[in-house]
PDB file of N, CA and C in Angstrom:
ATOM      1  N   GLU A   1      -1.744 -21.602  -7.996  1.00  0.00           N
ATOM      2  CA  GLU A   1      -2.403 -22.490  -8.877  1.00  0.00           C
ATOM      3  C   GLU A   1      -3.219 -21.721  -9.313  1.00  0.00           C
ATOM      4  N   TYR A   2      -3.712 -22.077 -10.425  1.00  0.00           N
ATOM      5  CA  TYR A   2      -5.350 -21.736 -11.136  1.00  0.00           C
ATOM      6  C   TYR A   2      -6.367 -22.023 -10.817  1.00  0.00           C
ATOM      7  N   ASN A   3      -7.327 -21.381 -10.171  1.00  0.00           N
ATOM      8  CA  ASN A   3      -8.427 -21.810 -10.052  1.00  0.00           C
ATOM      9  C   ASN A   3      -9.427 -21.317 -10.524  1.00  0.00           C
ATOM     10  N   PRO A   4     -10.375 -22.161 -11.347  1.00  0.00           N
ATOM     11  CA  PRO A   4     -11.213 -20.687 -12.713  1.00  0.00           C
ATOM     12  C   PRO A   4     -12.397 -20.545 -11.412  1.00  0.00           C
ATOM     13  N   LYS A   5     -13.121 -21.430 -10.249  1.00  0.00           N
ATOM     14  CA  LYS A   5     -13.999 -20.749  -9.588  1.00  0.00           C
ATOM     15  C   LYS A   5     -13.836 -19.710  -8.647  1.00  0.00           C
ATOM     16  N   CYS A   6     -12.362 -19.230  -9.248  1.00  0.00           N
ATOM     17  CA  CYS A   6     -12.016 -17.882  -8.122  1.00  0.00           C
ATOM     18  C   CYS A   6     -11.582 -16.694  -9.092  1.00  0.00           C
ATOM     19  N   PRO A   7     -12.566 -16.223  -9.839  1.00  0.00           N
ATOM     20  CA  PRO A   7     -12.444 -15.104 -11.148  1.00  0.00           C
ATOM     21  C   PRO A   7     -11.567 -13.831 -10.601  1.00  0.00           C
ATOM     22  N   TYR A   8     -11.446 -13.992  -8.984  1.00  0.00           N
ATOM     23  CA  TYR A   8     -11.421 -12.157  -8.525  1.00  0.00           C
ATOM     24  C   TYR A   8      -9.768 -12.212  -8.203  1.00  0.00           C
ATOM     25  N   ARG A   9      -9.019 -13.617  -8.593  1.00  0.00           N
ATOM     26  CA  ARG A   9      -7.859 -13.717  -7.885  1.00  0.00           C
ATOM     27  C   ARG A   9      -6.765 -12.523  -8.942  1.00  0.00           C
ATOM     28  N   ASP A  10      -6.419 -11.619  -8.251  1.00  0.00           N
ATOM     29  CA  ASP A  10      -5.021 -10.982  -8.914  1.00  0.00           C
ATOM     30  C   ASP A  10      -3.386 -11.752  -8.813  1.00  0.00           C
ATOM     31  N   LEU A  11      -2.877 -11.934  -9.488  1.00  0.00           N
ATOM     32  CA  LEU A  11      -1.450 -12.337  -9.548  1.00  0.00           C
ATOM     33  C   LEU A  11      -0.391 -11.383 -10.317  1.00  0.00           C
ATOM     34  N   ASN A  12       0.531 -11.291  -9.474  1.00  0.00           N
ATOM     35  CA  ASN A  12       1.461 -10.765  -9.905  1.00  0.00           C
ATOM     36  C   ASN A  12       2.969 -11.700 -10.488  1.00  0.00           C
ATOM     37  N   ARG A  13       3.191 -10.667 -11.741  1.00  0.00           N
ATOM     38  CA  ARG A  13       4.289 -11.452 -12.668  1.00  0.00           C
ATOM     39  C   ARG A  13       5.291 -12.822 -12.274  1.00  0.00           C
ATOM     40  N   ALA A  14       5.295 -12.760 -10.468  1.00  0.00           N
ATOM     41  CA  ALA A  14       5.582 -14.706 -10.360  1.00  0.00           C
ATOM     42  C   ALA A  14       4.891 -15.396 -10.148  1.00  0.00           C
ATOM     43  N   GLY A  15       2.707 -14.929 -10.175  1.00  0.00           N
ATOM     44  CA  GLY A  15       2.682 -15.802  -9.871  1.00  0.00           C
ATOM     45  C   GLY A  15       1.863 -16.156  -8.383  1.00  0.00           C
ATOM     46  N   VAL A  16       2.216 -14.609  -8.136  1.00  0.00           N
ATOM     47  CA  VAL A  16       1.857 -14.819  -6.351  1.00  0.00           C
ATOM     48  C   VAL A  16       0.626 -14.125  -6.390  1.00  0.00           C
ATOM     49  N   ALA A  17      -0.404 -14.081  -5.312  1.00  0.00           N
ATOM     50  CA  ALA A  17      -1.510 -13.324  -4.725  1.00  0.00           C
ATOM     51  C   ALA A  17      -1.131 -12.288  -4.719  1.00  0.00           C
ATOM     52  N   LEU A  18      -2.034 -11.025  -5.222  1.00  0.00           N
ATOM     53  CA  LEU A  18      -2.031  -9.822  -4.582  1.00  0.00           C
ATOM     54  C   LEU A  18      -3.241  -9.272  -4.219  1.00  0.00           C
ATOM     55  N   MET A  19      -2.644  -8.537  -3.023  1.00  0.00           N
ATOM     56  CA  MET A  19      -3.770  -7.735  -2.340  1.00  0.00           C
ATOM     57  C   MET A  19      -3.541  -6.259  -2.257  1.00  0.00           C
ATOM     58  N   GLU A  20      -4.654  -5.570  -2.311  1.00  0.00           N
ATOM     59  CA  GLU A  20      -4.312  -4.082  -2.867  1.00  0.00           C
ATOM     60  C   GLU A  20      -5.436  -3.146  -1.706  1.00  0.00           C
ATOM     61  N   ILE A  21      -4.621  -2.074  -0.988  1.00  0.00           N
ATOM     62  CA  ILE A  21      -5.670  -2.069  -0.120  1.00  0.00           C
ATOM     63  C   ILE A  21      -5.284  -0.206  -0.588  1.00  0.00           C
ATOM     64  N   VAL A  22      -6.700   0.334  -0.570  1.00  0.00           N
ATOM     65  CA  VAL A  22      -6.637   1.727  -1.105  1.00  0.00           C
ATOM     66  C   VAL A  22      -7.499   2.801   0.137  1.00  0.00           C
ATOM     67  N   SER A  23      -6.496   3.652   0.892  1.00  0.00           N
ATOM     68  CA  SER A  23      -7.538   4.426   1.590  1.00  0.00           C
ATOM     69  C   SER A  23      -6.935   6.171   1.159  1.00  0.00           C
ATOM     70  N   GLU A  24      -7.583   6.546   1.572  1.00  0.00           N
ATOM     71  CA  GLU A  24      -7.487   8.722   1.752  1.00  0.00           C
ATOM     72  C   GLU A  24      -6.982   8.891   3.126  1.00  0.00           C
ATOM     73  N   PRO A  25      -6.243   8.487   3.313  1.00  0.00           N
ATOM     74  CA  PRO A  25      -5.253   9.108   5.166  1.00  0.00           C
ATOM     75  C   PRO A  25      -4.909  10.557   4.187  1.00  0.00           C
ATOM     76  N   ASP A  26      -5.330  11.798   5.032  1.00  0.00           N
ATOM     77  CA  ASP A  26      -4.585  12.971   5.105  1.00  0.00           C
ATOM     78  C   ASP A  26      -3.116  12.877   5.653  1.00  0.00           C
ATOM     79  N   MET A  27      -2.119  12.728   5.283  1.00  0.00           N
ATOM     80  CA  MET A  27      -1.016  12.660   5.957  1.00  0.00           C
ATOM     81  C   MET A  27      -0.133  14.066   5.229  1.00  0.00           C
ATOM     82  N   ARG A  28       0.412  15.275   6.146  1.00  0.00           N
ATOM     83  CA  ARG A  28       0.901  15.946   5.873  1.00  0.00           C
ATOM     84  C   ARG A  28       2.711  16.401   6.233  1.00  0.00           C
ATOM     85  N   SER A  29       3.173  15.047   6.711  1.00  0.00           N
ATOM     86  CA  SER A  29       4.548  14.922   6.477  1.00  0.00           C
ATOM     87  C   SER A  29       4.987  13.250   6.041  1.00  0.00           C
ATOM     88  N   ALA A  30       6.393  13.407   5.791  1.00  0.00           N
ATOM     89  CA  ALA A  30       6.596  11.938   4.960  1.00  0.00           C
ATOM     90  C   ALA A  30       7.036  10.684   6.971  1.00  0.00           C
ATOM     91  N   ASP A  31       7.050  12.322   8.043  1.00  0.00           N
ATOM     92  CA  ASP A  31       6.302  10.551   9.617  1.00  0.00           C
ATOM     93  C   ASP A  31       5.708   9.836   9.526  1.00  0.00           C
ATOM     94  N   GLU A  32       4.115  10.832   9.102  1.00  0.00           N
ATOM     95  CA  GLU A  32       3.056  10.648   9.066  1.00  0.00           C
ATOM     96  C   GLU A  32       2.840   9.565   8.238  1.00  0.00           C
ATOM     97  N   ALA A  33       3.001   9.739   7.178  1.00  0.00           N
ATOM     98  CA  ALA A  33       3.147   8.333   5.936  1.00  0.00           C
ATOM     99  C   ALA A  33       3.726   7.195   6.721  1.00  0.00           C
ATOM    100  N   ALA A  34       5.041   7.097   7.178  1.00  0.00           N
ATOM    101  CA  ALA A  34       6.057   5.895   7.253  1.00  0.00           C
ATOM    102  C   ALA A  34       4.857   5.474   9.208  1.00  0.00           C
ATOM    103  N   ALA A  35       4.448   6.491   9.649  1.00  0.00           N
ATOM    104  CA  ALA A  35       3.814   5.869  11.116  1.00  0.00           C
ATOM    105  C   ALA A  35       2.707   4.978  10.750  1.00  0.00           C
ATOM    106  N   TYR A  36       1.774   5.501   9.210  1.00  0.00           N
ATOM    107  CA  TYR A  36       0.917   4.770   8.973  1.00  0.00           C
ATOM    108  C   TYR A  36       1.136   3.601   7.970  1.00  0.00           C
ATOM    109  N   LEU A  37       2.401   3.409   7.632  1.00  0.00           N
ATOM    110  CA  LEU A  37       3.137   1.801   6.769  1.00  0.00           C
ATOM    111  C   LEU A  37       3.173   0.864   8.195  1.00  0.00           C
ATOM    112  N   LYS A  38       3.912   1.307   8.764  1.00  0.00           N
ATOM    113  CA  LYS A  38       4.254   0.821  10.019  1.00  0.00           C
ATOM    114  C   LYS A  38       3.470   0.292  10.228  1.00  0.00           C
ATOM    115  N   LYS A  39       2.194   1.124  10.949  1.00  0.00           N
ATOM    116  CA  LYS A  39       0.717   0.132  11.508  1.00  0.00           C
ATOM    117  C   LYS A  39      -0.121  -0.866  10.906  1.00  0.00           C
ATOM    118  N   LEU A  40       0.415  -0.562   9.400  1.00  0.00           N
ATOM    119  CA  LEU A  40      -0.721  -0.606   8.511  1.00  0.00           C
ATOM    120  C   LEU A  40       0.166  -2.285   7.833  1.00  0.00           C
ATOM    121  N   ARG A  41       1.637  -2.216   8.424  1.00  0.00           N
ATOM    122  CA  ARG A  41       2.302  -3.374   8.191  1.00  0.00           C
ATOM    123  C   ARG A  41       2.242  -4.624   9.518  1.00  0.00           C
ATOM    124  N   SER A  42       1.816  -3.831  10.562  1.00  0.00           N
ATOM    125  CA  SER A  42       1.837  -4.565  11.554  1.00  0.00           C
ATOM    126  C   SER A  42       0.607  -5.241  12.045  1.00  0.00           C
ATOM    127  N   ILE A  43      -0.341  -4.719  11.256  1.00  0.00           N
ATOM    128  CA  ILE A  43      -1.804  -5.275  10.994  1.00  0.00           C
ATOM    129  C   ILE A  43      -1.874  -6.299  10.320  1.00  0.00           C
ATOM    130  N   LEU A  44      -1.368  -6.035   9.157  1.00  0.00           N
ATOM    131  CA  LEU A  44      -1.457  -7.186   8.071  1.00  0.00           C
ATOM    132  C   LEU A  44      -0.583  -8.539   8.667  1.00  0.00           C
ATOM    133  N   ARG A  45       0.710  -8.132   9.201  1.00  0.00           N
ATOM    134  CA  ARG A  45       1.692  -9.291   9.583  1.00  0.00           C
ATOM    135  C   ARG A  45       0.492 -10.145  10.951  1.00  0.00           C
ATOM    136  N   TYR A  46      -0.005  -9.727  11.894  1.00  0.00           N
ATOM    137  CA  TYR A  46      -1.125  -9.776  13.219  1.00  0.00           C
ATOM    138  C   TYR A  46      -1.806 -10.667  12.279  1.00  0.00           C
ATOM    139  N   VAL A  47      -2.788 -10.579  11.568  1.00  0.00           N
ATOM    140  CA  VAL A  47      -3.981 -11.278  10.928  1.00  0.00           C
ATOM    141  C   VAL A  47      -3.074 -12.178  10.171  1.00  0.00           C
ATOM    142  N   GLY A  48      -1.524 -12.080   9.780  1.00  0.00           N
ATOM    143  CA  GLY A  48      -1.156 -13.656   8.986  1.00  0.00           C
ATOM    144  C   GLY A  48      -1.238 -13.256   7.483  1.00  0.00           C
ATOM    145  N   SER A  49      -1.950 -12.280   7.063  1.00  0.00           N
ATOM    146  CA  SER A  49      -1.874 -12.508   5.711  1.00  0.00           C
ATOM    147  C   SER A  49      -0.438 -11.916   4.593  1.00  0.00           C
ATOM    148  N   CYS A  50       0.308 -11.263   5.629  1.00  0.00           N
ATOM    149  CA  CYS A  50       1.813 -11.129   4.445  1.00  0.00           C
ATOM    150  C   CYS A  50       2.462 -11.171   6.018  1.00  0.00           C
ATOM    151  N   ASP A  51       3.815 -11.380   5.476  1.00  0.00           N
ATOM    152  CA  ASP A  51       4.845 -10.930   6.376  1.00  0.00           C
ATOM    153  C   ASP A  51       5.892  -9.469   6.123  1.00  0.00           C
ATOM    154  N   GLY A  52       4.925  -8.803   5.316  1.00  0.00           N
ATOM    155  CA  GLY A  52       5.315  -7.909   5.375  1.00  0.00           C
ATOM    156  C   GLY A  52       7.270  -7.153   5.078  1.00  0.00           C
ATOM    157  N   ASP A  53       7.655  -8.429   4.740  1.00  0.00           N
ATOM    158  CA  ASP A  53       8.891  -8.264   4.184  1.00  0.00           C
ATOM    159  C   ASP A  53       9.027  -7.379   3.036  1.00  0.00           C
ATOM    160  N   MET A  54       9.500  -5.917   3.097  1.00  0.00           N
ATOM    161  CA  MET A  54       9.880  -5.076   1.993  1.00  0.00           C
ATOM    162  C   MET A  54      11.123  -5.464   1.277  1.00  0.00           C
ATOM    163  N   GLU A  55      11.740  -5.458   1.806  1.00  0.00           N
ATOM    164  CA  GLU A  55      13.364  -6.584   1.099  1.00  0.00           C
ATOM    165  C   GLU A  55      13.068  -7.324  -0.264  1.00  0.00           C
ATOM    166  N   LYS A  56      11.576  -8.066   0.266  1.00  0.00           N
ATOM    167  CA  LYS A  56      11.520  -9.284  -0.617  1.00  0.00           C
ATOM    168  C   LYS A  56      10.753  -8.954  -1.519  1.00  0.00           C
ATOM    169  N   GLY A  57       9.952  -7.696  -1.653  1.00  0.00           N
ATOM    170  CA  GLY A  57       8.813  -7.229  -2.589  1.00  0.00           C
ATOM    171  C   GLY A  57       7.421  -7.441  -1.584  1.00  0.00           C
ATOM    172  N   ASN A  58       7.513  -8.466  -0.816  1.00  0.00           N
ATOM    173  CA  ASN A  58       6.521  -8.856   0.050  1.00  0.00           C
ATOM    174  C   ASN A  58       5.461  -7.886   0.598  1.00  0.00           C
ATOM    175  N   MET A  59       5.581  -6.797   0.560  1.00  0.00           N
ATOM    176  CA  MET A  59       5.044  -5.757   1.010  1.00  0.00           C
ATOM    177  C   MET A  59       5.717  -4.110  -0.243  1.00  0.00           C
ATOM    178  N   ARG A  60       4.225  -3.607  -0.762  1.00  0.00           N
ATOM    179  CA  ARG A  60       5.151  -2.692  -1.580  1.00  0.00           C
ATOM    180  C   ARG A  60       3.718  -1.189  -1.149  1.00  0.00           C
ATOM    181  N   CYS A  61       4.492   0.028  -1.319  1.00  0.00           N
ATOM    182  CA  CYS A  61       3.479   1.171  -1.484  1.00  0.00           C
ATOM    183  C   CYS A  61       3.828   2.286  -2.537  1.00  0.00           C
ATOM    184  N   ASP A  62       2.767   2.817  -3.076  1.00  0.00           N
ATOM    185  CA  ASP A  62       2.792   3.389  -4.176  1.00  0.00           C
ATOM    186  C   ASP A  62       2.042   4.560  -3.752  1.00  0.00           C
ATOM    187  N   ALA A  63       2.973   5.586  -3.429  1.00  0.00           N
ATOM    188  CA  ALA A  63       1.985   7.035  -2.645  1.00  0.00           C
ATOM    189  C   ALA A  63       1.838   7.536  -3.701  1.00  0.00           C
ATOM    190  N   LYS A  64       0.874   8.397  -4.001  1.00  0.00           N
ATOM    191  CA  LYS A  64       0.139   9.585  -4.580  1.00  0.00           C
ATOM    192  C   LYS A  64       0.811  11.019  -3.626  1.00  0.00           C
ATOM    193  N   VAL A  65       1.216  12.159  -4.067  1.00  0.00           N
ATOM    194  CA  VAL A  65       1.729  13.193  -3.365  1.00  0.00           C
ATOM    195  C   VAL A  65       1.668  14.737  -4.110  1.00  0.00           C
ATOM    196  N   ALA A  66       0.590  14.736  -3.473  1.00  0.00           N
ATOM    197  CA  ALA A  66       0.290  16.667  -3.358  1.00  0.00           C
ATOM    198  C   ALA A  66       1.076  17.650  -2.874  1.00  0.00           C
ATOM    199  N   VAL A  67       1.615  18.630  -4.071  1.00  0.00           N
ATOM    200  CA  VAL A  67       2.397  19.360  -3.665  1.00  0.00           C
ATOM    201  C   VAL A  67       2.285  21.162  -4.179  1.00  0.00           C
ATOM    202  N   ARG A  68       2.938  21.836  -2.696  1.00  0.00           N
ATOM    203  CA  ARG A  68       2.125  22.685  -2.590  1.00  0.00           C
ATOM    204  C   ARG A  68       2.639  23.919  -1.532  1.00  0.00           C
ATOM    205  N   LYS A  69       2.641  24.857  -2.364  1.00  0.00           N
ATOM    206  CA  LYS A  69       3.577  26.007  -1.416  1.00  0.00           C
ATOM    207  C   LYS A  69       2.682  26.636  -0.400  1.00  0.00           C
ATOM    208  N   PRO A  70       3.066  26.454   1.059  1.00  0.00           N
ATOM    209  CA  PRO A  70       2.480  27.144   1.845  1.00  0.00           C
ATOM    210  C   PRO A  70       1.211  28.200   1.774  1.00  0.00           C
ATOM    211  N   GLY A  71       0.086  27.993   2.446  1.00  0.00           N
ATOM    212  CA  GLY A  71      -1.051  28.558   2.199  1.00  0.00           C
ATOM    213  C   GLY A  71      -1.664  28.481   0.576  1.00  0.00           C
ATOM    214  N   ASP A  72      -1.106  27.557  -0.221  1.00  0.00           N
ATOM    215  CA  ASP A  72      -1.803  27.722  -1.532  1.00  0.00           C
ATOM    216  C   ASP A  72      -2.872  26.406  -1.237  1.00  0.00           C
ATOM    217  N   LYS A  73      -3.866  26.388  -2.611  1.00  0.00           N
ATOM    218  CA  LYS A  73      -4.790  24.347  -2.442  1.00  0.00           C
ATOM    219  C   LYS A  73      -3.152  23.834  -3.069  1.00  0.00           C
ATOM    220  N   LEU A  74      -4.004  22.656  -2.696  1.00  0.00           N
ATOM    221  CA  LEU A  74      -3.193  21.487  -2.667  1.00  0.00           C
ATOM    222  C   LEU A  74      -3.056  21.639  -4.450  1.00  0.00           C
ATOM    223  N   GLY A  75      -1.741  21.041  -4.574  1.00  0.00           N
ATOM    224  CA  GLY A  75      -1.752  21.050  -6.335  1.00  0.00           C
ATOM    225  C   GLY A  75      -2.040  19.407  -7.144  1.00  0.00           C
ATOM    226  N   THR A  76      -1.840  19.132  -7.815  1.00  0.00           N
ATOM    227  CA  THR A  76      -2.053  17.794  -8.925  1.00  0.00           C
ATOM    228  C   THR A  76      -0.974  17.131  -8.380  1.00  0.00           C
ATOM    229  N   ARG A  77      -1.752  15.614  -7.913  1.00  0.00           N
ATOM    230  CA  ARG A  77      -1.438  14.536  -7.197  1.00  0.00           C
ATOM    231  C   ARG A  77      -0.156  14.293  -8.377  1.00  0.00           C
ATOM    232  N   CYS A  78       0.856  13.477  -8.029  1.00  0.00           N
ATOM    233  CA  CYS A  78       2.312  12.481  -8.901  1.00  0.00           C
ATOM    234  C   CYS A  78       2.970  12.005  -8.128  1.00  0.00           C
TER     235      CYS A  78
END
């Protein structure tokens, strides 16, 4: 439901309110990334902000990855 007194509401294509969490964790493996998202999901469920059901699209992760050869500087994120 649209509320003109709430100008900062972000809606997805289905008209559902969105919440965006931006972080700068330094992760070195897929296992670390999975653990981070599992913990984040459990926190969001605990506070009641979402059920975290990824199969229904209720939680999504857009990761930016930097690839490098061992010993080199981090490359461009993609």
